[in-house]
Amino acid sequence: MDSSSHPGRSTGFSFARFLLWTLLTVLILGGGWLYFAWNWSYSYGERAGWVQKFSNKGLICKTWEGEIALVAMPGAMPEKFEFTVWDDAVAQKINRFMGQAGVVVTMSRRSDCRAAASARRATT
């Protein structure tokens, strides 16, 4: 049976097969990018200052949003540093240090704007 006996059937290009391969390729590349973006950290560091604002925000995905005032020298305008905490145990620790001087926030920024943070009281 050759294709001439079935005029509606094509033996060459199949649009359904092309669409399936395109969809699979997009899903695999998208999944790889999401995995990479979720697990790779491009910045790591510490900020020390006063935690002046810290609250639980979000409609669907609740996160703890905070603001720390960084003071380089007495009398200077403080620089504000905003951070996000995803872990409730870390959030409780930061809440204990609220309003105290010398709070050190250790943070790790990721490519998807998610930041992992931890806090401790600076010892002098």
PDB file of N, CA and C in Angstrom:
ATOM      1  N   MET A   1       0.834  -1.183   0.000  1.00  0.00           N
ATOM      2  CA  MET A   1       0.000   0.000   0.000  1.00  0.00           C
ATOM      3  C   MET A   1       0.872   1.237   0.000  1.00  0.00           C
ATOM      4  N   ASP A   2       0.737   1.996  -1.004  1.00  0.00           N
ATOM      5  CA  ASP A   2       1.474   3.253  -1.052  1.00  0.00           C
ATOM      6  C   ASP A   2       0.525   4.402  -0.736  1.00  0.00           C
ATOM      7  N   SER A   3       1.099   5.577  -0.604  1.00  0.00           N
ATOM      8  CA  SER A   3       0.302   6.737  -0.209  1.00  0.00           C
ATOM      9  C   SER A   3      -0.666   7.181  -1.307  1.00  0.00           C
ATOM     10  N   SER A   4      -0.474   6.673  -2.550  1.00  0.00           N
ATOM     11  CA  SER A   4      -1.383   7.073  -3.625  1.00  0.00           C
ATOM     12  C   SER A   4      -2.753   6.422  -3.468  1.00  0.00           C
ATOM     13  N   SER A   5      -2.834   5.278  -2.760  1.00  0.00           N
ATOM     14  CA  SER A   5      -4.130   4.630  -2.559  1.00  0.00           C
ATOM     15  C   SER A   5      -4.930   5.275  -1.429  1.00  0.00           C
ATOM     16  N   HIS A   6      -4.260   6.051  -0.572  1.00  0.00           N
ATOM     17  CA  HIS A   6      -4.919   6.790   0.504  1.00  0.00           C
ATOM     18  C   HIS A   6      -4.605   8.273   0.333  1.00  0.00           C
ATOM     19  N   PRO A   7      -5.422   9.002  -0.397  1.00  0.00           N
ATOM     20  CA  PRO A   7      -5.104  10.387  -0.721  1.00  0.00           C
ATOM     21  C   PRO A   7      -5.086  11.321   0.493  1.00  0.00           C
ATOM     22  N   GLY A   8      -5.792  11.036   1.582  1.00  0.00           N
ATOM     23  CA  GLY A   8      -5.822  11.918   2.745  1.00  0.00           C
ATOM     24  C   GLY A   8      -4.660  11.697   3.701  1.00  0.00           C
ATOM     25  N   ARG A   9      -3.917  10.625   3.557  1.00  0.00           N
ATOM     26  CA  ARG A   9      -2.844  10.270   4.472  1.00  0.00           C
ATOM     27  C   ARG A   9      -1.489  10.690   3.897  1.00  0.00           C
ATOM     28  N   SER A  10      -0.667  11.318   4.739  1.00  0.00           N
ATOM     29  CA  SER A  10       0.660  11.760   4.305  1.00  0.00           C
ATOM     30  C   SER A  10       1.718  10.913   4.997  1.00  0.00           C
ATOM     31  N   THR A  11       2.735  10.535   4.293  1.00  0.00           N
ATOM     32  CA  THR A  11       3.817   9.749   4.891  1.00  0.00           C
ATOM     33  C   THR A  11       4.962  10.628   5.352  1.00  0.00           C
ATOM     34  N   GLY A  12       4.939  11.912   5.059  1.00  0.00           N
ATOM     35  CA  GLY A  12       6.026  12.827   5.403  1.00  0.00           C
ATOM     36  C   GLY A  12       5.785  13.539   6.726  1.00  0.00           C
ATOM     37  N   PHE A  13       5.659  14.837   6.663  1.00  0.00           N
ATOM     38  CA  PHE A  13       5.544  15.722   7.824  1.00  0.00           C
ATOM     39  C   PHE A  13       4.238  15.484   8.583  1.00  0.00           C
ATOM     40  N   SER A  14       4.348  15.355   9.890  1.00  0.00           N
ATOM     41  CA  SER A  14       3.162  15.211  10.734  1.00  0.00           C
ATOM     42  C   SER A  14       3.118  16.388  11.710  1.00  0.00           C
ATOM     43  N   PHE A  15       2.096  17.217  11.586  1.00  0.00           N
ATOM     44  CA  PHE A  15       1.986  18.394  12.442  1.00  0.00           C
ATOM     45  C   PHE A  15       1.806  17.996  13.909  1.00  0.00           C
ATOM     46  N   ALA A  16       1.067  16.944  14.164  1.00  0.00           N
ATOM     47  CA  ALA A  16       0.855  16.486  15.548  1.00  0.00           C
ATOM     48  C   ALA A  16       2.181  16.065  16.183  1.00  0.00           C
ATOM     49  N   ARG A  17       3.013  15.356  15.433  1.00  0.00           N
ATOM     50  CA  ARG A  17       4.319  14.920  15.949  1.00  0.00           C
ATOM     51  C   ARG A  17       5.225  16.140  16.203  1.00  0.00           C
ATOM     52  N   PHE A  18       5.193  17.099  15.287  1.00  0.00           N
ATOM     53  CA  PHE A  18       5.968  18.334  15.470  1.00  0.00           C
ATOM     54  C   PHE A  18       5.515  19.080  16.721  1.00  0.00           C
ATOM     55  N   LEU A  19       4.214  19.197  16.904  1.00  0.00           N
ATOM     56  CA  LEU A  19       3.660  19.878  18.069  1.00  0.00           C
ATOM     57  C   LEU A  19       4.042  19.156  19.360  1.00  0.00           C
ATOM     58  N   LEU A  20       4.000  17.851  19.364  1.00  0.00           N
ATOM     59  CA  LEU A  20       4.379  17.063  20.540  1.00  0.00           C
ATOM     60  C   LEU A  20       5.850  17.285  20.898  1.00  0.00           C
ATOM     61  N   TRP A  21       6.733  17.218  19.911  1.00  0.00           N
ATOM     62  CA  TRP A  21       8.168  17.422  20.175  1.00  0.00           C
ATOM     63  C   TRP A  21       8.460  18.848  20.631  1.00  0.00           C
ATOM     64  N   THR A  22       7.773  19.821  20.056  1.00  0.00           N
ATOM     65  CA  THR A  22       7.951  21.213  20.471  1.00  0.00           C
ATOM     66  C   THR A  22       7.511  21.397  21.920  1.00  0.00           C
ATOM     67  N   LEU A  23       6.372  20.842  22.276  1.00  0.00           N
ATOM     68  CA  LEU A  23       5.865  20.937  23.645  1.00  0.00           C
ATOM     69  C   LEU A  23       6.807  20.252  24.633  1.00  0.00           C
ATOM     70  N   LEU A  24       7.284  19.064  24.289  1.00  0.00           N
ATOM     71  CA  LEU A  24       8.231  18.356  25.165  1.00  0.00           C
ATOM     72  C   LEU A  24       9.525  19.147  25.348  1.00  0.00           C
ATOM     73  N   THR A  25      10.021  19.732  24.291  1.00  0.00           N
ATOM     74  CA  THR A  25      11.252  20.530  24.371  1.00  0.00           C
ATOM     75  C   THR A  25      11.058  21.743  25.263  1.00  0.00           C
ATOM     76  N   VAL A  26       9.947  22.433  25.105  1.00  0.00           N
ATOM     77  CA  VAL A  26       9.663  23.608  25.937  1.00  0.00           C
ATOM     78  C   VAL A  26       9.527  23.202  27.400  1.00  0.00           C
ATOM     79  N   LEU A  27       8.838  22.102  27.688  1.00  0.00           N
ATOM     80  CA  LEU A  27       8.680  21.632  29.072  1.00  0.00           C
ATOM     81  C   LEU A  27      10.018  21.241  29.700  1.00  0.00           C
ATOM     82  N   ILE A  28      10.860  20.551  28.962  1.00  0.00           N
ATOM     83  CA  ILE A  28      12.164  20.134  29.501  1.00  0.00           C
ATOM     84  C   ILE A  28      13.057  21.340  29.739  1.00  0.00           C
ATOM     85  N   LEU A  29      13.127  22.263  28.778  1.00  0.00           N
ATOM     86  CA  LEU A  29      13.950  23.463  28.961  1.00  0.00           C
ATOM     87  C   LEU A  29      13.408  24.348  30.082  1.00  0.00           C
ATOM     88  N   GLY A  30      12.090  24.501  30.147  1.00  0.00           N
ATOM     89  CA  GLY A  30      11.481  25.296  31.214  1.00  0.00           C
ATOM     90  C   GLY A  30      11.712  24.676  32.582  1.00  0.00           C
ATOM     91  N   GLY A  31      11.568  23.374  32.686  1.00  0.00           N
ATOM     92  CA  GLY A  31      11.820  22.683  33.951  1.00  0.00           C
ATOM     93  C   GLY A  31      13.271  22.799  34.376  1.00  0.00           C
ATOM     94  N   GLY A  32      14.192  22.689  33.426  1.00  0.00           N
ATOM     95  CA  GLY A  32      15.612  22.857  33.741  1.00  0.00           C
ATOM     96  C   GLY A  32      15.928  24.258  34.225  1.00  0.00           C
ATOM     97  N   TRP A  33      15.333  25.253  33.585  1.00  0.00           N
ATOM     98  CA  TRP A  33      15.561  26.644  34.013  1.00  0.00           C
ATOM     99  C   TRP A  33      15.009  26.883  35.408  1.00  0.00           C
ATOM    100  N   LEU A  34      13.794  26.382  35.683  1.00  0.00           N
ATOM    101  CA  LEU A  34      13.201  26.547  37.020  1.00  0.00           C
ATOM    102  C   LEU A  34      14.053  25.870  38.097  1.00  0.00           C
ATOM    103  N   TYR A  35      14.540  24.671  37.815  1.00  0.00           N
ATOM    104  CA  TYR A  35      15.398  23.973  38.777  1.00  0.00           C
ATOM    105  C   TYR A  35      16.667  24.783  39.043  1.00  0.00           C
ATOM    106  N   PHE A  36      17.289  25.276  37.985  1.00  0.00           N
ATOM    107  CA  PHE A  36      18.506  26.075  38.121  1.00  0.00           C
ATOM    108  C   PHE A  36      18.237  27.363  38.893  1.00  0.00           C
ATOM    109  N   ALA A  37      17.166  28.072  38.546  1.00  0.00           N
ATOM    110  CA  ALA A  37      16.847  29.339  39.188  1.00  0.00           C
ATOM    111  C   ALA A  37      16.486  29.151  40.661  1.00  0.00           C
ATOM    112  N   TRP A  38      15.853  28.053  41.001  1.00  0.00           N
ATOM    113  CA  TRP A  38      15.414  27.812  42.372  1.00  0.00           C
ATOM    114  C   TRP A  38      16.573  27.400  43.272  1.00  0.00           C
ATOM    115  N   ASN A  39      17.611  26.806  42.723  1.00  0.00           N
ATOM    116  CA  ASN A  39      18.690  26.251  43.541  1.00  0.00           C
ATOM    117  C   ASN A  39      20.006  27.010  43.477  1.00  0.00           C
ATOM    118  N   TRP A  40      20.145  27.976  42.603  1.00  0.00           N
ATOM    119  CA  TRP A  40      21.413  28.677  42.441  1.00  0.00           C
ATOM    120  C   TRP A  40      21.357  30.018  43.146  1.00  0.00           C
ATOM    121  N   SER A  41      22.388  30.318  43.927  1.00  0.00           N
ATOM    122  CA  SER A  41      22.468  31.583  44.652  1.00  0.00           C
ATOM    123  C   SER A  41      23.545  32.451  44.013  1.00  0.00           C
ATOM    124  N   TYR A  42      23.206  33.690  43.660  1.00  0.00           N
ATOM    125  CA  TYR A  42      24.186  34.556  43.027  1.00  0.00           C
ATOM    126  C   TYR A  42      24.778  35.582  43.976  1.00  0.00           C
ATOM    127  N   SER A  43      24.257  35.683  45.194  1.00  0.00           N
ATOM    128  CA  SER A  43      24.772  36.664  46.128  1.00  0.00           C
ATOM    129  C   SER A  43      24.641  36.132  47.550  1.00  0.00           C
ATOM    130  N   TYR A  44      25.667  36.366  48.347  1.00  0.00           N
ATOM    131  CA  TYR A  44      25.655  35.937  49.740  1.00  0.00           C
ATOM    132  C   TYR A  44      26.349  37.010  50.562  1.00  0.00           C
ATOM    133  N   GLY A  45      25.788  37.352  51.703  1.00  0.00           N
ATOM    134  CA  GLY A  45      26.423  38.373  52.515  1.00  0.00           C
ATOM    135  C   GLY A  45      25.691  38.624  53.815  1.00  0.00           C
ATOM    136  N   GLU A  46      26.179  39.612  54.554  1.00  0.00           N
ATOM    137  CA  GLU A  46      25.592  39.982  55.829  1.00  0.00           C
ATOM    138  C   GLU A  46      25.312  41.472  55.859  1.00  0.00           C
ATOM    139  N   ARG A  47      24.257  41.853  56.555  1.00  0.00           N
ATOM    140  CA  ARG A  47      23.922  43.250  56.794  1.00  0.00           C
ATOM    141  C   ARG A  47      23.661  43.391  58.291  1.00  0.00           C
ATOM    142  N   ALA A  48      24.163  44.451  58.883  1.00  0.00           N
ATOM    143  CA  ALA A  48      23.978  44.681  60.313  1.00  0.00           C
ATOM    144  C   ALA A  48      23.317  46.027  60.529  1.00  0.00           C
ATOM    145  N   GLY A  49      22.424  46.092  61.483  1.00  0.00           N
ATOM    146  CA  GLY A  49      21.735  47.331  61.799  1.00  0.00           C
ATOM    147  C   GLY A  49      20.550  47.091  62.708  1.00  0.00           C
ATOM    148  N   TRP A  50      19.551  47.943  62.608  1.00  0.00           N
ATOM    149  CA  TRP A  50      18.323  47.863  63.392  1.00  0.00           C
ATOM    150  C   TRP A  50      17.224  47.283  62.517  1.00  0.00           C
ATOM    151  N   VAL A  51      16.550  46.229  62.988  1.00  0.00           N
ATOM    152  CA  VAL A  51      15.360  45.743  62.286  1.00  0.00           C
ATOM    153  C   VAL A  51      14.233  46.665  62.691  1.00  0.00           C
ATOM    154  N   GLN A  52      13.747  47.468  61.736  1.00  0.00           N
ATOM    155  CA  GLN A  52      12.737  48.465  62.077  1.00  0.00           C
ATOM    156  C   GLN A  52      11.345  48.096  61.576  1.00  0.00           C
ATOM    157  N   LYS A  53      11.251  47.150  60.648  1.00  0.00           N
ATOM    158  CA  LYS A  53       9.948  46.750  60.127  1.00  0.00           C
ATOM    159  C   LYS A  53      10.019  45.274  59.766  1.00  0.00           C
ATOM    160  N   PHE A  54       9.038  44.499  60.208  1.00  0.00           N
ATOM    161  CA  PHE A  54       9.023  43.066  59.917  1.00  0.00           C
ATOM    162  C   PHE A  54       7.585  42.578  60.004  1.00  0.00           C
ATOM    163  N   SER A  55       7.039  42.081  58.897  1.00  0.00           N
ATOM    164  CA  SER A  55       5.638  41.663  58.893  1.00  0.00           C
ATOM    165  C   SER A  55       5.423  40.488  57.948  1.00  0.00           C
ATOM    166  N   ASN A  56       4.340  39.751  58.201  1.00  0.00           N
ATOM    167  CA  ASN A  56       3.962  38.598  57.399  1.00  0.00           C
ATOM    168  C   ASN A  56       2.998  39.080  56.322  1.00  0.00           C
ATOM    169  N   LYS A  57       3.405  38.990  55.047  1.00  0.00           N
ATOM    170  CA  LYS A  57       2.609  39.536  53.944  1.00  0.00           C
ATOM    171  C   LYS A  57       2.340  38.482  52.885  1.00  0.00           C
ATOM    172  N   GLY A  58       1.337  38.759  52.063  1.00  0.00           N
ATOM    173  CA  GLY A  58       1.043  37.921  50.909  1.00  0.00           C
ATOM    174  C   GLY A  58      -0.366  37.391  50.923  1.00  0.00           C
ATOM    175  N   LEU A  59      -0.982  37.305  49.749  1.00  0.00           N
ATOM    176  CA  LEU A  59      -2.328  36.754  49.641  1.00  0.00           C
ATOM    177  C   LEU A  59      -2.307  35.234  49.540  1.00  0.00           C
ATOM    178  N   ILE A  60      -1.471  34.715  48.674  1.00  0.00           N
ATOM    179  CA  ILE A  60      -1.403  33.266  48.469  1.00  0.00           C
ATOM    180  C   ILE A  60      -0.152  32.693  49.118  1.00  0.00           C
ATOM    181  N   CYS A  61       0.973  33.260  48.805  1.00  0.00           N
ATOM    182  CA  CYS A  61       2.259  32.784  49.330  1.00  0.00           C
ATOM    183  C   CYS A  61       2.716  33.736  50.430  1.00  0.00           C
ATOM    184  N   LYS A  62       2.509  33.359  51.674  1.00  0.00           N
ATOM    185  CA  LYS A  62       2.868  34.214  52.805  1.00  0.00           C
ATOM    186  C   LYS A  62       4.378  34.164  53.042  1.00  0.00           C
ATOM    187  N   THR A  63       4.989  35.342  53.075  1.00  0.00           N
ATOM    188  CA  THR A  63       6.405  35.465  53.407  1.00  0.00           C
ATOM    189  C   THR A  63       6.555  36.566  54.447  1.00  0.00           C
ATOM    190  N   TRP A  64       7.664  36.559  55.123  1.00  0.00           N
ATOM    191  CA  TRP A  64       7.988  37.601  56.082  1.00  0.00           C
ATOM    192  C   TRP A  64       8.827  38.641  55.365  1.00  0.00           C
ATOM    193  N   GLU A  65       8.374  39.885  55.362  1.00  0.00           N
ATOM    194  CA  GLU A  65       9.070  40.982  54.707  1.00  0.00           C
ATOM    195  C   GLU A  65       9.635  41.891  55.783  1.00  0.00           C
ATOM    196  N   GLY A  66      10.927  42.207  55.681  1.00  0.00           N
ATOM    197  CA  GLY A  66      11.560  43.027  56.695  1.00  0.00           C
ATOM    198  C   GLY A  66      12.364  44.165  56.118  1.00  0.00           C
ATOM    199  N   GLU A  67      12.675  45.097  56.974  1.00  0.00           N
ATOM    200  CA  GLU A  67      13.494  46.249  56.606  1.00  0.00           C
ATOM    201  C   GLU A  67      14.478  46.500  57.741  1.00  0.00           C
ATOM    202  N   ILE A  68      15.738  46.586  57.389  1.00  0.00           N
ATOM    203  CA  ILE A  68      16.775  46.843  58.380  1.00  0.00           C
ATOM    204  C   ILE A  68      17.422  48.185  58.049  1.00  0.00           C
ATOM    205  N   ALA A  69      17.622  49.008  59.075  1.00  0.00           N
ATOM    206  CA  ALA A  69      18.253  50.316  58.890  1.00  0.00           C
ATOM    207  C   ALA A  69      19.750  50.160  59.119  1.00  0.00           C
ATOM    208  N   LEU A  70      20.524  50.463  58.099  1.00  0.00           N
ATOM    209  CA  LEU A  70      21.986  50.364  58.166  1.00  0.00           C
ATOM    210  C   LEU A  70      22.554  51.751  58.429  1.00  0.00           C
ATOM    211  N   VAL A  71      23.297  51.889  59.487  1.00  0.00           N
ATOM    212  CA  VAL A  71      23.896  53.183  59.831  1.00  0.00           C
ATOM    213  C   VAL A  71      25.411  53.038  59.747  1.00  0.00           C
ATOM    214  N   ALA A  72      26.009  53.776  58.817  1.00  0.00           N
ATOM    215  CA  ALA A  72      27.460  53.702  58.627  1.00  0.00           C
ATOM    216  C   ALA A  72      28.203  54.448  59.725  1.00  0.00           C
ATOM    217  N   MET A  73      27.691  55.630  60.097  1.00  0.00           N
ATOM    218  CA  MET A  73      28.321  56.411  61.163  1.00  0.00           C
ATOM    219  C   MET A  73      27.254  57.251  61.871  1.00  0.00           C
ATOM    220  N   PRO A  74      27.487  57.564  63.137  1.00  0.00           N
ATOM    221  CA  PRO A  74      26.489  58.315  63.897  1.00  0.00           C
ATOM    222  C   PRO A  74      26.171  59.654  63.231  1.00  0.00           C
ATOM    223  N   GLY A  75      24.889  59.982  63.191  1.00  0.00           N
ATOM    224  CA  GLY A  75      24.446  61.243  62.600  1.00  0.00           C
ATOM    225  C   GLY A  75      24.144  61.153  61.118  1.00  0.00           C
ATOM    226  N   ALA A  76      24.543  60.077  60.468  1.00  0.00           N
ATOM    227  CA  ALA A  76      24.297  59.916  59.030  1.00  0.00           C
ATOM    228  C   ALA A  76      22.896  59.360  58.805  1.00  0.00           C
ATOM    229  N   MET A  77      22.348  59.637  57.635  1.00  0.00           N
ATOM    230  CA  MET A  77      21.051  59.077  57.277  1.00  0.00           C
ATOM    231  C   MET A  77      21.179  57.563  57.121  1.00  0.00           C
ATOM    232  N   PRO A  78      20.280  56.812  57.736  1.00  0.00           N
ATOM    233  CA  PRO A  78      20.368  55.356  57.601  1.00  0.00           C
ATOM    234  C   PRO A  78      19.933  54.892  56.206  1.00  0.00           C
ATOM    235  N   GLU A  79      20.617  53.887  55.718  1.00  0.00           N
ATOM    236  CA  GLU A  79      20.227  53.257  54.462  1.00  0.00           C
ATOM    237  C   GLU A  79      19.298  52.102  54.808  1.00  0.00           C
ATOM    238  N   LYS A  80      18.215  51.961  54.064  1.00  0.00           N
ATOM    239  CA  LYS A  80      17.259  50.893  54.334  1.00  0.00           C
ATOM    240  C   LYS A  80      17.564  49.698  53.440  1.00  0.00           C
ATOM    241  N   PHE A  81      17.555  48.530  54.046  1.00  0.00           N
ATOM    242  CA  PHE A  81      17.791  47.287  53.316  1.00  0.00           C
ATOM    243  C   PHE A  81      16.583  46.393  53.511  1.00  0.00           C
ATOM    244  N   GLU A  82      15.906  46.055  52.422  1.00  0.00           N
ATOM    245  CA  GLU A  82      14.717  45.213  52.496  1.00  0.00           C
ATOM    246  C   GLU A  82      15.098  43.761  52.247  1.00  0.00           C
ATOM    247  N   PHE A  83      14.452  42.859  52.986  1.00  0.00           N
ATOM    248  CA  PHE A  83      14.747  41.440  52.848  1.00  0.00           C
ATOM    249  C   PHE A  83      13.478  40.618  53.031  1.00  0.00           C
ATOM    250  N   THR A  84      13.532  39.376  52.572  1.00  0.00           N
ATOM    251  CA  THR A  84      12.411  38.445  52.661  1.00  0.00           C
ATOM    252  C   THR A  84      12.864  37.191  53.389  1.00  0.00           C
ATOM    253  N   VAL A  85      12.020  36.685  54.276  1.00  0.00           N
ATOM    254  CA  VAL A  85      12.309  35.452  55.006  1.00  0.00           C
ATOM    255  C   VAL A  85      11.196  34.459  54.694  1.00  0.00           C
ATOM    256  N   TRP A  86      11.574  33.261  54.278  1.00  0.00           N
ATOM    257  CA  TRP A  86      10.610  32.214  53.946  1.00  0.00           C
ATOM    258  C   TRP A  86      10.398  31.250  55.106  1.00  0.00           C
ATOM    259  N   ASP A  87      11.367  31.139  56.000  1.00  0.00           N
ATOM    260  CA  ASP A  87      11.339  30.162  57.082  1.00  0.00           C
ATOM    261  C   ASP A  87      10.756  30.781  58.353  1.00  0.00           C
ATOM    262  N   ASP A  88       9.720  30.160  58.924  1.00  0.00           N
ATOM    263  CA  ASP A  88       9.068  30.697  60.124  1.00  0.00           C
ATOM    264  C   ASP A  88       9.989  30.685  61.345  1.00  0.00           C
ATOM    265  N   ALA A  89      10.887  29.704  61.449  1.00  0.00           N
ATOM    266  CA  ALA A  89      11.818  29.655  62.588  1.00  0.00           C
ATOM    267  C   ALA A  89      12.765  30.854  62.555  1.00  0.00           C
ATOM    268  N   VAL A  90      13.229  31.222  61.382  1.00  0.00           N
ATOM    269  CA  VAL A  90      14.093  32.397  61.239  1.00  0.00           C
ATOM    270  C   VAL A  90      13.293  33.664  61.537  1.00  0.00           C
ATOM    271  N   ALA A  91      12.047  33.704  61.102  1.00  0.00           N
ATOM    272  CA  ALA A  91      11.196  34.866  61.351  1.00  0.00           C
ATOM    273  C   ALA A  91      10.988  35.075  62.852  1.00  0.00           C
ATOM    274  N   GLN A  92      10.796  34.013  63.603  1.00  0.00           N
ATOM    275  CA  GLN A  92      10.646  34.133  65.062  1.00  0.00           C
ATOM    276  C   GLN A  92      11.917  34.684  65.692  1.00  0.00           C
ATOM    277  N   LYS A  93      13.053  34.249  65.192  1.00  0.00           N
ATOM    278  CA  LYS A  93      14.338  34.737  65.714  1.00  0.00           C
ATOM    279  C   LYS A  93      14.488  36.237  65.442  1.00  0.00           C
ATOM    280  N   ILE A  94      14.137  36.672  64.250  1.00  0.00           N
ATOM    281  CA  ILE A  94      14.234  38.090  63.900  1.00  0.00           C
ATOM    282  C   ILE A  94      13.253  38.904  64.739  1.00  0.00           C
ATOM    283  N   ASN A  95      12.052  38.371  64.979  1.00  0.00           N
ATOM    284  CA  ASN A  95      11.075  39.070  65.810  1.00  0.00           C
ATOM    285  C   ASN A  95      11.599  39.313  67.223  1.00  0.00           C
ATOM    286  N   ARG A  96      12.384  38.388  67.753  1.00  0.00           N
ATOM    287  CA  ARG A  96      12.964  38.579  69.090  1.00  0.00           C
ATOM    288  C   ARG A  96      13.948  39.743  69.112  1.00  0.00           C
ATOM    289  N   PHE A  97      14.626  39.998  67.999  1.00  0.00           N
ATOM    290  CA  PHE A  97      15.638  41.058  67.919  1.00  0.00           C
ATOM    291  C   PHE A  97      15.067  42.389  67.444  1.00  0.00           C
ATOM    292  N   MET A  98      13.778  42.449  67.225  1.00  0.00           N
ATOM    293  CA  MET A  98      13.141  43.657  66.689  1.00  0.00           C
ATOM    294  C   MET A  98      13.434  44.874  67.561  1.00  0.00           C
ATOM    295  N   GLY A  99      13.914  45.944  66.936  1.00  0.00           N
ATOM    296  CA  GLY A  99      14.186  47.188  67.641  1.00  0.00           C
ATOM    297  C   GLY A  99      15.504  47.224  68.385  1.00  0.00           C
ATOM    298  N   GLN A 100      16.291  46.170  68.325  1.00  0.00           N
ATOM    299  CA  GLN A 100      17.586  46.144  68.999  1.00  0.00           C
ATOM    300  C   GLN A 100      18.696  46.496  68.007  1.00  0.00           C
ATOM    301  N   ALA A 101      19.725  47.125  68.522  1.00  0.00           N
ATOM    302  CA  ALA A 101      20.869  47.475  67.672  1.00  0.00           C
ATOM    303  C   ALA A 101      21.762  46.256  67.490  1.00  0.00           C
ATOM    304  N   GLY A 102      22.464  46.235  66.386  1.00  0.00           N
ATOM    305  CA  GLY A 102      23.463  45.197  66.156  1.00  0.00           C
ATOM    306  C   GLY A 102      22.905  43.872  65.696  1.00  0.00           C
ATOM    307  N   VAL A 103      21.765  43.868  65.032  1.00  0.00           N
ATOM    308  CA  VAL A 103      21.211  42.634  64.476  1.00  0.00           C
ATOM    309  C   VAL A 103      21.901  42.374  63.142  1.00  0.00           C
ATOM    310  N   VAL A 104      22.416  41.164  62.980  1.00  0.00           N
ATOM    311  CA  VAL A 104      23.094  40.796  61.737  1.00  0.00           C
ATOM    312  C   VAL A 104      22.191  39.839  60.970  1.00  0.00           C
ATOM    313  N   VAL A 105      21.833  40.220  59.754  1.00  0.00           N
ATOM    314  CA  VAL A 105      21.030  39.375  58.879  1.00  0.00           C
ATOM    315  C   VAL A 105      21.968  38.789  57.834  1.00  0.00           C
ATOM    316  N   THR A 106      22.075  37.475  57.819  1.00  0.00           N
ATOM    317  CA  THR A 106      22.860  36.777  56.807  1.00  0.00           C
ATOM    318  C   THR A 106      21.890  36.348  55.725  1.00  0.00           C
ATOM    319  N   MET A 107      22.188  36.736  54.495  1.00  0.00           N
ATOM    320  CA  MET A 107      21.232  36.455  53.439  1.00  0.00           C
ATOM    321  C   MET A 107      21.903  35.866  52.211  1.00  0.00           C
ATOM    322  N   SER A 108      21.080  35.179  51.440  1.00  0.00           N
ATOM    323  CA  SER A 108      21.514  34.581  50.189  1.00  0.00           C
ATOM    324  C   SER A 108      20.467  34.929  49.144  1.00  0.00           C
ATOM    325  N   ARG A 109      20.845  35.671  48.116  1.00  0.00           N
ATOM    326  CA  ARG A 109      19.901  36.050  47.061  1.00  0.00           C
ATOM    327  C   ARG A 109      19.986  35.053  45.921  1.00  0.00           C
ATOM    328  N   ARG A 110      18.836  34.766  45.383  1.00  0.00           N
ATOM    329  CA  ARG A 110      18.752  33.813  44.284  1.00  0.00           C
ATOM    330  C   ARG A 110      18.278  34.522  43.027  1.00  0.00           C
ATOM    331  N   SER A 111      18.438  33.871  41.911  1.00  0.00           N
ATOM    332  CA  SER A 111      18.111  34.500  40.636  1.00  0.00           C
ATOM    333  C   SER A 111      16.610  34.702  40.446  1.00  0.00           C
ATOM    334  N   ASP A 112      15.774  34.035  41.234  1.00  0.00           N
ATOM    335  CA  ASP A 112      14.328  34.207  41.100  1.00  0.00           C
ATOM    336  C   ASP A 112      13.787  35.207  42.118  1.00  0.00           C
ATOM    337  N   CYS A 113      14.653  36.073  42.643  1.00  0.00           N
ATOM    338  CA  CYS A 113      14.301  37.120  43.608  1.00  0.00           C
ATOM    339  C   CYS A 113      13.951  36.575  44.976  1.00  0.00           C
ATOM    340  N   ARG A 114      14.147  35.326  45.192  1.00  0.00           N
ATOM    341  CA  ARG A 114      13.888  34.729  46.487  1.00  0.00           C
ATOM    342  C   ARG A 114      15.159  34.869  47.309  1.00  0.00           C
ATOM    343  N   ALA A 115      15.020  35.193  48.555  1.00  0.00           N
ATOM    344  CA  ALA A 115      16.181  35.354  49.419  1.00  0.00           C
ATOM    345  C   ALA A 115      16.029  34.485  50.652  1.00  0.00           C
ATOM    346  N   ALA A 116      17.061  33.742  50.964  1.00  0.00           N
ATOM    347  CA  ALA A 116      17.078  32.972  52.197  1.00  0.00           C
ATOM    348  C   ALA A 116      17.815  33.807  53.229  1.00  0.00           C
ATOM    349  N   ALA A 117      17.281  33.912  54.416  1.00  0.00           N
ATOM    350  CA  ALA A 117      17.896  34.771  55.418  1.00  0.00           C
ATOM    351  C   ALA A 117      17.959  34.070  56.764  1.00  0.00           C
ATOM    352  N   SER A 118      18.925  34.465  57.563  1.00  0.00           N
ATOM    353  CA  SER A 118      19.003  34.047  58.953  1.00  0.00           C
ATOM    354  C   SER A 118      19.460  35.265  59.745  1.00  0.00           C
ATOM    355  N   ALA A 119      19.244  35.241  61.045  1.00  0.00           N
ATOM    356  CA  ALA A 119      19.587  36.412  61.855  1.00  0.00           C
ATOM    357  C   ALA A 119      20.272  35.988  63.139  1.00  0.00           C
ATOM    358  N   ARG A 120      21.107  36.875  63.658  1.00  0.00           N
ATOM    359  CA  ARG A 120      21.741  36.678  64.951  1.00  0.00           C
ATOM    360  C   ARG A 120      22.018  38.042  65.544  1.00  0.00           C
ATOM    361  N   ARG A 121      22.224  38.069  66.834  1.00  0.00           N
ATOM    362  CA  ARG A 121      22.578  39.309  67.539  1.00  0.00           C
ATOM    363  C   ARG A 121      24.081  39.426  67.498  1.00  0.00           C
ATOM    364  N   ALA A 122      24.578  40.578  67.052  1.00  0.00           N
ATOM    365  CA  ALA A 122      26.021  40.790  66.972  1.00  0.00           C
ATOM    366  C   ALA A 122      26.590  40.903  68.389  1.00  0.00           C
ATOM    367  N   THR A 123      27.691  40.218  68.604  1.00  0.00           N
ATOM    368  CA  THR A 123      28.358  40.306  69.904  1.00  0.00           C
ATOM    369  C   THR A 123      29.545  41.237  69.785  1.00  0.00           C
ATOM    370  N   THR A 124      29.731  42.062  70.795  1.00  0.00           N
ATOM    371  CA  THR A 124      30.839  43.016  70.735  1.00  0.00           C
ATOM    372  C   THR A 124      31.933  42.614  71.681  1.00  0.00           C
TER     373      THR A 124
END
